Amino acid sequence: MSNSVERQEYVMEEFGIIFVGNVNRISKIGWNYGQFQEDILNICLAMLDRSLSYRKDPATDVSRRNDPKHVGRVLSAMVNSNDDNGVVLGNWSGNYTGGTSPGSWTGSIEILRKWKDAGFKPVKYGQCWVFASVLTTVLRSLGIPTRAISNFNSAHDVDRNLTVDEYVDGSGNPLSLGGDSVWNFHVWNEGWFTRSDLGPSYNGWQILDATPQERSAGIFQCGPASLKAIKEGDVDLDHDTPFVFAEVNADRITWRYDTTTRETKPIFSDTRSIGQFTSTKAVGSYARVDVTGDYKYAEGSEKERQVFEKARRKLGTVHPFASTLEKHPEIDQKPEISGKFKVDGILEIGKDISLILVLKNLTSAPKTLKASMTAWTIVYTGKPIHEVWKDTLSATFASKEEKQFPIKIAYAAYQKLLTRDNMIRVTALCQIESGIEMVVERTITLDNPELIMQVIGDAKVNEPLNVEVVFTNPLDQEVKDCVLQAEGSDLLKGKLKIEMPSLKPRQSSTELVEIIPTKSGTKQLLINFTCDKFPDVKAFETINVST
């Protein structure tokens, strides 16, 4: 990597930003990579020595450690615990008993040290941003330029046919059928290195993914897939290019499943929604940089469709398949009604959710419509957990007429059913009298209350400094089990944990966190606040330390 400013960011920077949320509301969390903290390099080298590759053939493995392709692929397997007792055990169940909730971590150092201190037993628990952040730490510690990438509406294409199939029942309820899914967001890594195996045109950023999703050569590892190969549809190149290509550019088919007859009918096709706002942290700032254009040509453009068909042809020689559109041309017909959910008001935990379903007759003939509407709490992988609301409506539309239907979901309805991801998916299955069906869908993320941080005074090496942290309970009920955790490389030794008293309705609590900086420069303090009503409220503050 010739650019010294980029090297400073992608190798030397010990703090990062991860983008999370959904396409309608992207937010960011801080992460302490800490690749130069005490003992981290030794732990990263131990990962290589405990890999399946080393155990199988130590001499060959060690001789290949000058090759970032080999090192990156081995570490993408070792960061997850599947197959090899690697670092982090994944858990998407919602039950994190016996370990740490994935959303509670704020850095890699504690995870890596726990793995070593437990005799190299997997640390509980992680999800995609945890795997990606730990892999960033490990690769940067070894001198490989690395960044975390967040992809929104990320496809998980199990059968490698470049289409993702989603199912609803006759009432519009989401169904967990088939293996495909669309994650609200997914985080992976890019490492920057040459591809001696593919030739210089494929040098540069390479996708590596440590989240255990699908097996590659028999074990849970992914990459390195050349970013240039993904953009050009070269899905026949090593490693795992078809899976990554689908994550950012699969087509999406919605099916209605009849629970009585078990028949399926495709009702909606969409070639544009997968792979949006693919994001990474800007060099030298906390801004979001959109890198979608590095992964694919402009969505809907002729070039993008050409590349998609090229990828299908290349895959078709290995996995023969006909596309759903070829088998069911009726789902590609022009829609008669358009629909969308609009947010009406603020989306905060503790408040009722106000939405508007906007439907419009696109034809000049009058139309009658019935809609079955549901709202489910979901986890960020898109999996439905609990139904919280349902309703139906009937309406008649004149030529080209648009109508708006207000929707309210009470806090009491979702309060006890919300997952730690704070996400709800609202769906309307619309049936038009002509027999044509249409699905309107929106995922909403509810905001946590804000943590306010303020540094009191100037930060100097080896001098104590207070940081004031204020949390206000926005609810009309008491919140209990309040815990504040803080960490920051060169600011605190390890992680600080403060148990706080319960907070009455609307009450504020102020905590002073004392830090003693050990090195000068720009440092980051990360705070994570958890209570029984609000898991994992996060904030970070930049602290400039002078000598």
Protein backbone atom coordinates (compact mmCIF):
# COMPACT_ATOMS: atom_id res chain seq x y z
CA MET A 1 0.00 0.00 0.00
CA SER A 2 1.85 3.05 -1.29
CA ASN A 3 -0.29 5.78 0.33
CA SER A 4 1.19 6.57 3.75
CA VAL A 5 -2.04 8.22 5.03
CA GLU A 6 -3.98 5.05 4.19
CA ARG A 7 -1.29 2.90 5.82
CA GLN A 8 -1.61 5.01 8.97
CA GLU A 9 -5.38 4.32 9.04
CA TYR A 10 -5.46 0.68 7.95
CA VAL A 11 -2.40 -0.65 9.83
CA MET A 12 -1.59 1.74 12.67
CA GLU A 13 -4.98 3.05 13.85
CA GLU A 14 -6.10 1.28 17.05
CA PHE A 15 -9.67 2.60 17.04
CA GLY A 16 -12.45 2.17 14.49
CA ILE A 17 -16.07 2.77 13.57
CA ILE A 18 -18.52 0.02 12.60
CA PHE A 19 -21.71 0.94 10.75
CA VAL A 20 -24.86 -0.92 11.85
CA GLY A 21 -28.67 -0.61 11.61
CA ASN A 22 -30.70 -0.91 8.42
CA VAL A 23 -30.99 0.79 5.01
CA ASN A 24 -33.40 3.39 6.41
CA ARG A 25 -31.30 4.27 9.45
CA ILE A 26 -27.54 3.68 9.51
CA SER A 27 -25.85 4.30 12.84
CA LYS A 28 -22.29 3.77 14.07
CA ILE A 29 -20.56 2.20 17.04
CA GLY A 30 -16.95 2.61 18.15
CA TRP A 31 -14.50 -0.29 18.51
CA ASN A 32 -11.16 -0.53 20.29
CA TYR A 33 -8.94 -2.67 18.02
CA GLY A 34 -5.88 -2.29 20.28
CA GLN A 35 -3.55 -4.26 18.00
CA PHE A 36 -0.43 -2.77 19.66
CA GLN A 37 -1.48 -3.39 23.25
CA GLU A 38 0.49 -5.73 25.49
CA ASP A 39 0.51 -9.41 24.48
CA ILE A 40 -1.87 -8.96 21.50
CA LEU A 41 0.77 -9.76 18.84
CA ASN A 42 1.77 -12.95 20.71
CA ILE A 43 -1.88 -14.05 20.86
CA CYS A 44 -2.28 -13.40 17.11
CA LEU A 45 0.79 -15.51 16.37
CA ALA A 46 -0.63 -18.23 18.64
CA MET A 47 -3.74 -18.24 16.46
CA LEU A 48 -1.62 -19.22 13.47
CA ASP A 49 0.09 -21.97 15.47
CA ARG A 50 -3.26 -23.41 16.60
CA SER A 51 -4.88 -23.42 13.15
CA LEU A 52 -5.95 -26.58 11.34
CA SER A 53 -3.48 -25.67 8.58
CA TYR A 54 -0.57 -25.73 11.03
CA ARG A 55 -1.77 -28.87 12.81
CA LYS A 56 -2.11 -30.70 9.50
CA ASP A 57 1.30 -29.77 8.06
CA PRO A 58 3.43 -27.42 10.21
CA ALA A 59 6.34 -27.08 7.79
CA THR A 60 4.17 -26.14 4.78
CA ASP A 61 2.01 -23.78 6.85
CA VAL A 62 5.02 -21.89 8.26
CA SER A 63 6.65 -21.70 4.81
CA ARG A 64 3.50 -19.96 3.49
CA ARG A 65 3.30 -17.29 6.19
CA ASN A 66 4.95 -14.77 3.88
CA ASP A 67 1.78 -14.97 1.75
CA PRO A 68 -1.09 -12.74 2.95
CA LYS A 69 -3.58 -14.87 0.95
CA HIS A 70 -2.73 -17.87 3.09
CA VAL A 71 -2.51 -15.96 6.37
CA GLY A 72 -5.81 -14.12 5.73
CA ARG A 73 -7.69 -17.32 4.89
CA VAL A 74 -6.31 -19.20 7.91
CA LEU A 75 -7.24 -16.34 10.24
CA SER A 76 -10.77 -16.03 8.78
CA ALA A 77 -11.21 -19.60 10.05
CA MET A 78 -9.48 -19.08 13.40
CA VAL A 79 -11.44 -16.00 14.53
CA ASN A 80 -14.60 -18.13 14.69
CA SER A 81 -14.60 -21.18 16.97
CA ASN A 82 -16.16 -23.63 14.48
CA ASP A 83 -13.88 -26.50 13.42
CA ASP A 84 -10.76 -25.45 15.33
CA ASN A 85 -11.54 -24.06 18.83
CA GLY A 86 -10.91 -20.60 17.44
CA VAL A 87 -11.43 -17.32 19.26
CA VAL A 88 -15.15 -16.43 19.26
CA LEU A 89 -18.26 -18.61 19.52
CA GLY A 90 -21.15 -17.25 17.43
CA ASN A 91 -24.63 -17.00 18.93
CA TRP A 92 -27.73 -15.54 17.24
CA SER A 93 -30.32 -17.14 19.56
CA GLY A 94 -31.08 -14.14 21.76
CA ASN A 95 -30.08 -16.17 24.83
CA TYR A 96 -26.55 -15.30 25.94
CA THR A 97 -26.51 -17.05 29.31
CA GLY A 98 -23.03 -18.19 30.30
CA GLY A 99 -21.29 -15.54 28.25
CA THR A 100 -21.32 -11.93 27.09
CA SER A 101 -24.04 -10.60 24.79
CA PRO A 102 -22.44 -9.82 21.39
CA GLY A 103 -23.71 -6.24 21.63
CA SER A 104 -21.89 -5.60 24.92
CA TRP A 105 -18.32 -5.86 23.58
CA THR A 106 -16.53 -2.60 22.85
CA GLY A 107 -13.12 -3.92 21.77
CA SER A 108 -10.97 -6.88 20.70
CA ILE A 109 -8.36 -6.82 23.50
CA GLU A 110 -10.57 -8.36 26.18
CA ILE A 111 -11.78 -11.06 23.76
CA LEU A 112 -8.28 -12.08 22.65
CA ARG A 113 -6.90 -12.12 26.21
CA LYS A 114 -9.88 -14.15 27.45
CA TRP A 115 -9.26 -16.72 24.71
CA LYS A 116 -5.62 -17.09 25.74
CA ASP A 117 -6.25 -17.01 29.51
CA ALA A 118 -8.92 -19.73 29.24
CA GLY A 119 -6.39 -22.09 27.67
CA PHE A 120 -7.50 -21.19 24.13
CA LYS A 121 -11.16 -22.04 24.69
CA PRO A 122 -13.70 -20.06 22.60
CA VAL A 123 -15.02 -16.81 24.05
CA LYS A 124 -18.80 -16.48 24.32
CA TYR A 125 -20.41 -14.81 22.27
CA GLY A 126 -20.04 -13.03 18.94
CA GLN A 127 -21.99 -11.88 15.91
CA CYS A 128 -20.74 -10.52 12.59
CA TRP A 129 -19.34 -7.15 13.74
CA VAL A 130 -17.47 -8.90 16.58
CA PHE A 131 -15.86 -11.42 14.20
CA ALA A 132 -14.95 -8.64 11.73
CA SER A 133 -13.53 -6.37 14.43
CA VAL A 134 -11.36 -9.11 15.94
CA LEU A 135 -10.08 -10.04 12.47
CA THR A 136 -9.22 -6.35 11.89
CA THR A 137 -7.13 -6.38 15.07
CA VAL A 138 -5.31 -9.59 14.12
CA LEU A 139 -4.52 -8.60 10.53
CA ARG A 140 -3.39 -5.08 11.47
CA SER A 141 -1.15 -6.51 14.17
CA LEU A 142 0.58 -8.58 11.46
CA GLY A 143 0.99 -5.54 9.18
CA ILE A 144 -1.79 -6.31 6.68
CA PRO A 145 -3.83 -3.16 5.87
CA THR A 146 -7.40 -4.00 6.91
CA ARG A 147 -10.78 -2.31 7.21
CA ALA A 148 -14.27 -3.34 8.31
CA ILE A 149 -17.04 -3.23 5.68
CA SER A 150 -20.77 -3.04 6.49
CA ASN A 151 -23.20 -4.20 3.79
CA PHE A 152 -26.89 -3.35 4.20
CA ASN A 153 -29.60 -5.74 2.93
CA SER A 154 -26.90 -8.40 2.75
CA ALA A 155 -27.89 -11.65 1.08
CA HIS A 156 -27.08 -15.11 2.44
CA ASP A 157 -27.47 -17.30 -0.67
CA VAL A 158 -27.28 -20.91 0.47
CA ASP A 159 -27.85 -22.70 -2.85
CA ARG A 160 -25.52 -20.50 -4.90
CA ASN A 161 -28.07 -19.57 -7.56
CA LEU A 162 -27.73 -15.79 -7.05
CA THR A 163 -31.36 -15.44 -5.95
CA VAL A 164 -32.59 -15.11 -2.38
CA ASP A 165 -36.01 -16.59 -1.64
CA GLU A 166 -38.19 -15.15 1.14
CA TYR A 167 -41.61 -16.47 2.20
CA VAL A 168 -44.81 -15.06 3.71
CA ASP A 169 -48.08 -16.78 4.58
CA GLY A 170 -51.54 -15.64 3.45
CA SER A 171 -51.70 -13.14 6.32
CA GLY A 172 -48.36 -11.55 5.48
CA ASN A 173 -46.47 -13.20 8.35
CA PRO A 174 -42.79 -13.85 7.54
CA LEU A 175 -41.90 -17.55 7.41
CA SER A 176 -38.53 -19.17 8.04
CA LEU A 177 -38.54 -21.51 5.03
CA GLY A 178 -35.50 -22.49 2.99
CA GLY A 179 -31.96 -21.55 3.90
CA ASP A 180 -31.72 -18.15 2.18
CA SER A 181 -31.98 -14.94 4.18
CA VAL A 182 -31.42 -11.20 3.91
CA TRP A 183 -29.52 -9.67 6.83
CA ASN A 184 -30.35 -6.06 7.69
CA PHE A 185 -26.60 -5.59 7.76
CA HIS A 186 -23.53 -7.79 7.67
CA VAL A 187 -19.95 -6.85 8.50
CA TRP A 188 -16.86 -8.41 6.90
CA ASN A 189 -13.28 -7.31 6.20
CA GLU A 190 -11.15 -6.15 3.34
CA GLY A 191 -7.42 -6.81 3.49
CA TRP A 192 -5.10 -5.05 1.05
CA PHE A 193 -2.55 -7.24 -0.73
CA THR A 194 -1.39 -8.63 -4.06
CA ARG A 195 -2.87 -11.71 -5.75
CA SER A 196 0.10 -13.60 -7.16
CA ASP A 197 -2.28 -16.47 -7.97
CA LEU A 198 -4.67 -14.35 -10.11
CA GLY A 199 -2.41 -11.68 -11.60
CA PRO A 200 -1.88 -7.97 -10.93
CA SER A 201 -5.29 -6.83 -12.20
CA TYR A 202 -6.84 -8.46 -9.10
CA ASN A 203 -4.46 -6.83 -6.59
CA GLY A 204 -5.74 -4.44 -3.92
CA TRP A 205 -8.67 -5.00 -1.56
CA GLN A 206 -9.58 -8.63 -0.86
CA ILE A 207 -12.72 -9.71 1.02
CA LEU A 208 -12.23 -11.89 4.11
CA ASP A 209 -15.13 -12.95 6.35
CA ALA A 210 -14.68 -14.62 9.74
CA THR A 211 -18.42 -14.96 10.50
CA PRO A 212 -19.32 -18.67 10.22
CA GLN A 213 -22.00 -18.75 7.49
CA GLU A 214 -21.15 -21.42 4.90
CA ARG A 215 -18.34 -23.96 4.68
CA SER A 216 -15.52 -23.34 2.23
CA ALA A 217 -13.28 -26.32 1.45
CA GLY A 218 -14.98 -28.10 4.36
CA ILE A 219 -14.51 -25.52 7.11
CA PHE A 220 -16.03 -22.17 8.11
CA GLN A 221 -13.73 -19.69 6.39
CA CYS A 222 -14.30 -17.15 3.62
CA GLY A 223 -11.93 -15.41 1.22
CA PRO A 224 -9.77 -13.84 0.15
CA ALA A 225 -12.12 -12.91 -2.71
CA SER A 226 -10.78 -10.17 -4.96
CA LEU A 227 -12.95 -7.04 -4.84
CA LYS A 228 -12.26 -6.46 -8.54
CA ALA A 229 -13.42 -10.01 -9.33
CA ILE A 230 -16.69 -9.36 -7.47
CA LYS A 231 -17.39 -6.16 -9.41
CA GLU A 232 -16.67 -7.82 -12.76
CA GLY A 233 -18.67 -11.00 -12.03
CA ASP A 234 -15.59 -13.26 -12.14
CA VAL A 235 -17.21 -15.77 -9.79
CA ASP A 236 -15.06 -18.64 -11.06
CA LEU A 237 -11.96 -17.28 -9.28
CA ASP A 238 -10.69 -18.32 -5.82
CA HIS A 239 -11.83 -17.90 -3.01
CA ASP A 240 -15.59 -17.87 -2.31
CA THR A 241 -16.38 -15.27 -4.99
CA PRO A 242 -19.93 -16.63 -5.68
CA PHE A 243 -20.96 -16.23 -2.04
CA VAL A 244 -19.60 -12.68 -1.78
CA PHE A 245 -21.08 -11.70 -5.16
CA ALA A 246 -24.53 -12.82 -3.96
CA GLU A 247 -24.17 -10.87 -0.70
CA VAL A 248 -24.05 -7.60 -2.63
CA ASN A 249 -25.94 -8.37 -5.85
CA ALA A 250 -28.35 -11.31 -5.59
CA ASP A 251 -31.89 -10.97 -6.91
CA ARG A 252 -34.68 -11.22 -4.34
CA ILE A 253 -37.90 -13.23 -4.79
CA THR A 254 -40.83 -13.11 -2.36
CA TRP A 255 -43.09 -16.19 -2.28
CA ARG A 256 -46.52 -16.74 -0.73
CA TYR A 257 -46.71 -20.10 1.03
CA ASP A 258 -50.12 -21.74 1.50
CA THR A 259 -49.93 -23.45 4.90
CA THR A 260 -52.84 -25.76 4.00
CA THR A 261 -51.83 -26.98 0.54
CA ARG A 262 -48.09 -26.33 1.02
CA GLU A 263 -48.01 -24.69 -2.40
CA THR A 264 -45.70 -21.77 -3.09
CA LYS A 265 -46.34 -18.93 -5.49
CA PRO A 266 -43.83 -16.20 -6.40
CA ILE A 267 -45.50 -12.82 -5.96
CA PHE A 268 -42.73 -10.26 -6.12
CA SER A 269 -39.28 -9.93 -7.68
CA ASP A 270 -36.68 -7.31 -6.93
CA THR A 271 -33.30 -6.91 -8.59
CA ARG A 272 -32.20 -3.75 -6.78
CA SER A 273 -32.55 -3.97 -3.00
CA ILE A 274 -29.69 -6.38 -2.13
CA GLY A 275 -26.36 -4.76 -1.29
CA GLN A 276 -27.04 -1.13 -0.42
CA PHE A 277 -24.96 1.58 1.28
CA THR A 278 -21.92 -0.70 1.55
CA SER A 279 -19.91 1.36 4.04
CA THR A 280 -16.58 1.80 5.74
CA LYS A 281 -14.92 4.38 7.98
CA ALA A 282 -13.28 7.32 6.22
CA VAL A 283 -9.50 7.66 6.37
CA GLY A 284 -8.66 10.05 9.22
CA SER A 285 -12.22 10.79 10.33
CA TYR A 286 -15.40 9.17 11.69
CA ALA A 287 -17.38 9.85 8.49
CA ARG A 288 -19.08 7.07 6.51
CA VAL A 289 -17.67 6.32 3.07
CA ASP A 290 -19.99 4.53 0.63
CA VAL A 291 -18.04 1.87 -1.29
CA THR A 292 -21.03 0.20 -3.02
CA GLY A 293 -19.57 1.29 -6.36
CA ASP A 294 -16.43 -0.77 -5.66
CA TYR A 295 -18.58 -3.93 -5.43
CA LYS A 296 -20.93 -3.45 -8.38
CA TYR A 297 -21.86 -1.12 -11.21
CA ALA A 298 -24.77 1.28 -10.62
CA GLU A 299 -27.84 -0.74 -9.59
CA GLY A 300 -30.28 -1.10 -12.49
CA SER A 301 -27.74 0.00 -15.10
CA GLU A 302 -27.19 -2.05 -18.23
CA LYS A 303 -23.60 -2.82 -17.17
CA GLU A 304 -24.74 -4.14 -13.76
CA ARG A 305 -27.24 -6.52 -15.41
CA GLN A 306 -24.57 -7.66 -17.90
CA VAL A 307 -22.20 -8.51 -15.05
CA PHE A 308 -25.01 -10.32 -13.19
CA GLU A 309 -25.79 -12.47 -16.27
CA LYS A 310 -22.05 -13.14 -16.75
CA ALA A 311 -21.87 -14.40 -13.15
CA ARG A 312 -24.98 -16.59 -13.69
CA ARG A 313 -23.45 -18.11 -16.81
CA LYS A 314 -20.16 -18.85 -15.04
CA LEU A 315 -21.98 -20.45 -12.10
CA GLY A 316 -24.44 -22.30 -14.38
CA THR A 317 -21.68 -24.47 -15.76
CA VAL A 318 -21.10 -25.79 -12.22
CA HIS A 319 -24.62 -25.56 -10.75
CA PRO A 320 -27.17 -25.73 -13.60
CA PHE A 321 -30.27 -23.72 -12.72
CA ALA A 322 -33.04 -21.74 -14.34
CA SER A 323 -33.91 -18.43 -12.79
CA THR A 324 -37.25 -17.92 -11.05
CA LEU A 325 -38.06 -15.24 -13.62
CA GLU A 326 -37.55 -17.76 -16.44
CA LYS A 327 -39.89 -20.23 -14.76
CA HIS A 328 -42.44 -17.63 -13.60
CA PRO A 329 -42.48 -14.70 -16.05
CA GLU A 330 -45.75 -13.49 -14.49
CA ILE A 331 -43.95 -12.01 -11.46
CA ASP A 332 -42.05 -9.62 -13.72
CA GLN A 333 -45.22 -7.95 -14.96
CA LYS A 334 -45.82 -4.28 -14.31
CA PRO A 335 -47.34 -3.69 -10.85
CA GLU A 336 -50.84 -2.23 -10.65
CA ILE A 337 -50.39 -0.71 -7.18
CA SER A 338 -47.34 0.77 -5.48
CA GLY A 339 -46.85 0.90 -1.74
CA LYS A 340 -44.48 2.07 0.97
CA PHE A 341 -44.38 2.56 4.73
CA LYS A 342 -43.50 6.08 5.88
CA VAL A 343 -42.35 6.90 9.40
CA ASP A 344 -44.55 9.46 11.12
CA GLY A 345 -42.71 10.82 14.15
CA ILE A 346 -39.68 9.66 16.11
CA LEU A 347 -38.59 6.05 16.54
CA GLU A 348 -37.48 5.65 20.15
CA ILE A 349 -37.79 2.82 22.65
CA GLY A 350 -40.53 3.72 25.11
CA LYS A 351 -42.68 5.50 22.55
CA ASP A 352 -45.51 4.26 20.34
CA ILE A 353 -44.52 3.64 16.71
CA SER A 354 -46.43 5.77 14.19
CA LEU A 355 -46.28 4.77 10.52
CA ILE A 356 -48.27 5.56 7.39
CA LEU A 357 -48.96 2.94 4.72
CA VAL A 358 -49.07 4.83 1.40
CA LEU A 359 -50.77 2.95 -1.46
CA LYS A 360 -51.28 4.23 -5.00
CA ASN A 361 -53.24 2.90 -7.95
CA LEU A 362 -50.82 3.03 -10.89
CA THR A 363 -53.51 2.24 -13.49
CA SER A 364 -56.32 4.31 -14.94
CA ALA A 365 -58.93 1.68 -13.96
CA PRO A 366 -60.47 1.61 -10.45
CA LYS A 367 -59.03 -1.04 -8.11
CA THR A 368 -60.19 -2.77 -4.94
CA LEU A 369 -57.57 -4.03 -2.52
CA LYS A 370 -57.31 -6.02 0.70
CA ALA A 371 -54.18 -5.82 2.85
CA SER A 372 -53.07 -8.11 5.68
CA MET A 373 -50.57 -6.28 7.88
CA THR A 374 -48.21 -7.65 10.53
CA ALA A 375 -45.33 -6.39 12.64
CA TRP A 376 -42.69 -8.71 14.07
CA THR A 377 -39.68 -8.10 16.25
CA ILE A 378 -36.62 -9.44 14.44
CA VAL A 379 -32.90 -9.95 14.93
CA TYR A 380 -30.51 -8.17 12.57
CA THR A 381 -30.16 -11.28 10.39
CA GLY A 382 -33.81 -10.76 9.43
CA LYS A 383 -35.11 -13.73 11.41
CA PRO A 384 -38.62 -13.07 12.82
CA ILE A 385 -38.94 -13.61 16.59
CA HIS A 386 -42.33 -12.37 17.94
CA GLU A 387 -45.49 -10.99 16.37
CA VAL A 388 -46.38 -7.70 18.07
CA TRP A 389 -49.22 -6.34 15.94
CA LYS A 390 -51.58 -7.27 13.10
CA ASP A 391 -54.47 -5.65 11.26
CA THR A 392 -56.34 -5.75 7.96
CA LEU A 393 -57.75 -3.11 5.68
CA SER A 394 -59.89 -2.91 2.54
CA ALA A 395 -59.92 0.03 0.17
CA THR A 396 -61.12 1.07 -3.26
CA PHE A 397 -58.96 3.32 -5.42
CA ALA A 398 -60.08 5.53 -8.27
CA SER A 399 -57.88 5.98 -11.33
CA LYS A 400 -54.32 6.96 -10.27
CA GLU A 401 -55.55 7.62 -6.71
CA GLU A 402 -53.20 7.57 -3.71
CA LYS A 403 -54.40 6.89 -0.16
CA GLN A 404 -52.66 6.99 3.22
CA PHE A 405 -53.47 4.66 6.12
CA PRO A 406 -52.11 5.57 9.59
CA ILE A 407 -50.73 2.74 11.74
CA LYS A 408 -49.89 2.83 15.43
CA ILE A 409 -47.99 0.11 17.33
CA ALA A 410 -48.14 0.74 21.06
CA TYR A 411 -45.01 0.55 23.26
CA ALA A 412 -46.91 -1.91 25.48
CA ALA A 413 -47.27 -4.25 22.48
CA TYR A 414 -43.56 -4.49 21.71
CA GLN A 415 -41.91 -3.60 25.04
CA LYS A 416 -41.27 -7.15 26.31
CA LEU A 417 -40.78 -8.73 22.88
CA LEU A 418 -38.11 -6.44 21.41
CA THR A 419 -34.76 -8.14 20.73
CA ARG A 420 -31.42 -6.57 21.68
CA ASP A 421 -31.18 -5.35 18.06
CA ASN A 422 -34.16 -2.96 18.61
CA MET A 423 -35.59 -3.94 15.20
CA ILE A 424 -39.18 -4.42 14.00
CA ARG A 425 -40.27 -5.45 10.51
CA VAL A 426 -43.66 -4.30 9.25
CA THR A 427 -45.22 -6.15 6.30
CA ALA A 428 -48.38 -5.61 4.25
CA LEU A 429 -49.49 -8.39 1.89
CA CYS A 430 -51.77 -6.60 -0.58
CA GLN A 431 -54.20 -8.61 -2.73
CA ILE A 432 -55.83 -6.84 -5.65
CA GLU A 433 -59.16 -8.06 -7.00
CA SER A 434 -57.52 -8.98 -10.31
CA GLY A 435 -55.55 -11.64 -8.43
CA ILE A 436 -52.21 -9.83 -8.42
CA GLU A 437 -50.42 -9.71 -5.06
CA MET A 438 -47.81 -7.31 -3.76
CA VAL A 439 -45.70 -7.11 -0.60
CA VAL A 440 -44.82 -3.83 1.11
CA GLU A 441 -42.15 -4.14 3.77
CA ARG A 442 -40.08 -1.91 6.01
CA THR A 443 -37.59 -2.60 8.78
CA ILE A 444 -37.38 0.02 11.51
CA THR A 445 -34.71 0.40 14.18
CA LEU A 446 -35.72 2.03 17.43
CA ASP A 447 -33.22 4.43 18.96
CA ASN A 448 -31.82 3.96 22.44
CA PRO A 449 -31.70 7.04 24.71
CA GLU A 450 -28.49 9.05 24.47
CA LEU A 451 -25.42 8.76 26.68
CA ILE A 452 -23.79 12.16 27.20
CA MET A 453 -20.02 12.24 27.84
CA GLN A 454 -17.86 15.20 28.80
CA VAL A 455 -14.12 15.32 29.49
CA ILE A 456 -13.39 17.56 32.48
CA GLY A 457 -10.05 19.30 32.03
CA ASP A 458 -7.01 18.64 29.84
CA ALA A 459 -5.58 15.17 29.33
CA LYS A 460 -1.88 14.68 30.16
CA VAL A 461 0.28 11.57 30.36
CA ASN A 462 0.27 9.93 33.83
CA GLU A 463 -2.17 12.51 35.27
CA PRO A 464 -5.67 11.47 36.45
CA LEU A 465 -8.57 12.86 34.45
CA ASN A 466 -12.33 12.63 34.99
CA VAL A 467 -14.91 11.95 32.28
CA GLU A 468 -18.53 12.68 33.19
CA VAL A 469 -21.14 10.26 31.82
CA VAL A 470 -24.86 11.16 32.07
CA PHE A 471 -27.77 8.82 31.37
CA THR A 472 -31.42 9.87 31.64
CA ASN A 473 -34.25 7.34 31.95
CA PRO A 474 -36.84 8.44 29.35
CA LEU A 475 -39.52 5.98 30.48
CA ASP A 476 -42.50 6.30 32.79
CA GLN A 477 -41.20 3.27 34.71
CA GLU A 478 -38.11 2.45 36.74
CA VAL A 479 -35.06 0.92 35.07
CA LYS A 480 -32.96 -1.57 37.03
CA ASP A 481 -29.72 -3.59 36.79
CA CYS A 482 -27.77 -0.57 35.53
CA VAL A 483 -24.13 -1.27 34.63
CA LEU A 484 -21.63 1.12 33.03
CA GLN A 485 -18.51 -0.29 31.34
CA ALA A 486 -15.59 1.72 29.97
CA GLU A 487 -12.47 0.88 27.98
CA GLY A 488 -9.83 2.71 25.98
CA SER A 489 -6.34 1.79 24.86
CA ASP A 490 -3.66 3.78 26.75
CA LEU A 491 -6.39 5.36 28.93
CA LEU A 492 -7.51 2.47 31.18
CA LYS A 493 -5.89 -0.80 32.18
CA GLY A 494 -8.39 -3.38 31.01
CA LYS A 495 -12.11 -2.75 31.31
CA LEU A 496 -13.76 -0.66 34.03
CA LYS A 497 -17.14 -1.83 35.34
CA ILE A 498 -19.40 0.36 37.51
CA GLU A 499 -22.70 -0.88 38.97
CA MET A 500 -25.19 1.97 39.22
CA PRO A 501 -28.40 2.38 41.25
CA SER A 502 -31.84 1.94 39.68
CA LEU A 503 -33.29 5.01 37.98
CA LYS A 504 -36.79 6.27 38.64
CA PRO A 505 -38.96 7.53 35.73
CA ARG A 506 -37.31 10.52 33.97
CA GLN A 507 -34.43 10.46 36.48
CA SER A 508 -30.84 11.24 35.40
CA SER A 509 -27.68 9.62 36.74
CA THR A 510 -24.16 11.07 36.54
CA GLU A 511 -21.05 8.90 36.87
CA LEU A 512 -17.43 10.03 36.92
CA VAL A 513 -15.00 7.72 35.14
CA GLU A 514 -11.37 8.32 36.14
CA ILE A 515 -8.73 7.63 33.53
CA ILE A 516 -4.92 7.91 33.67
CA PRO A 517 -3.46 8.21 30.16
CA THR A 518 -0.19 6.32 29.66
CA LYS A 519 0.68 7.59 26.15
CA SER A 520 0.29 10.86 24.29
CA GLY A 521 -1.72 11.23 21.10
CA THR A 522 -5.36 10.91 20.04
CA LYS A 523 -7.13 8.27 22.15
CA GLN A 524 -10.73 7.05 22.39
CA LEU A 525 -12.79 6.21 25.47
CA LEU A 526 -15.70 3.81 24.83
CA ILE A 527 -18.71 3.51 27.14
CA ASN A 528 -21.38 0.77 27.17
CA PHE A 529 -24.43 1.20 29.42
CA THR A 530 -26.83 -1.69 30.04
CA CYS A 531 -30.03 -1.97 32.10
CA ASP A 532 -33.14 -4.13 32.08
CA LYS A 533 -34.95 -1.91 29.55
CA PHE A 534 -32.04 -0.74 27.38
CA PRO A 535 -29.27 -3.19 26.51
CA ASP A 536 -26.01 -1.82 25.15
CA VAL A 537 -26.37 1.95 24.91
CA LYS A 538 -23.03 3.05 23.44
CA ALA A 539 -20.98 6.22 23.18
CA PHE A 540 -17.35 7.16 22.60
CA GLU A 541 -15.30 10.29 23.12
CA THR A 542 -12.02 11.33 21.51
CA ILE A 543 -9.40 12.48 24.02
CA ASN A 544 -6.23 14.29 22.92
CA VAL A 545 -3.46 13.45 25.39
CA SER A 546 -0.42 15.74 25.69
CA THR A 547 2.90 14.99 27.40
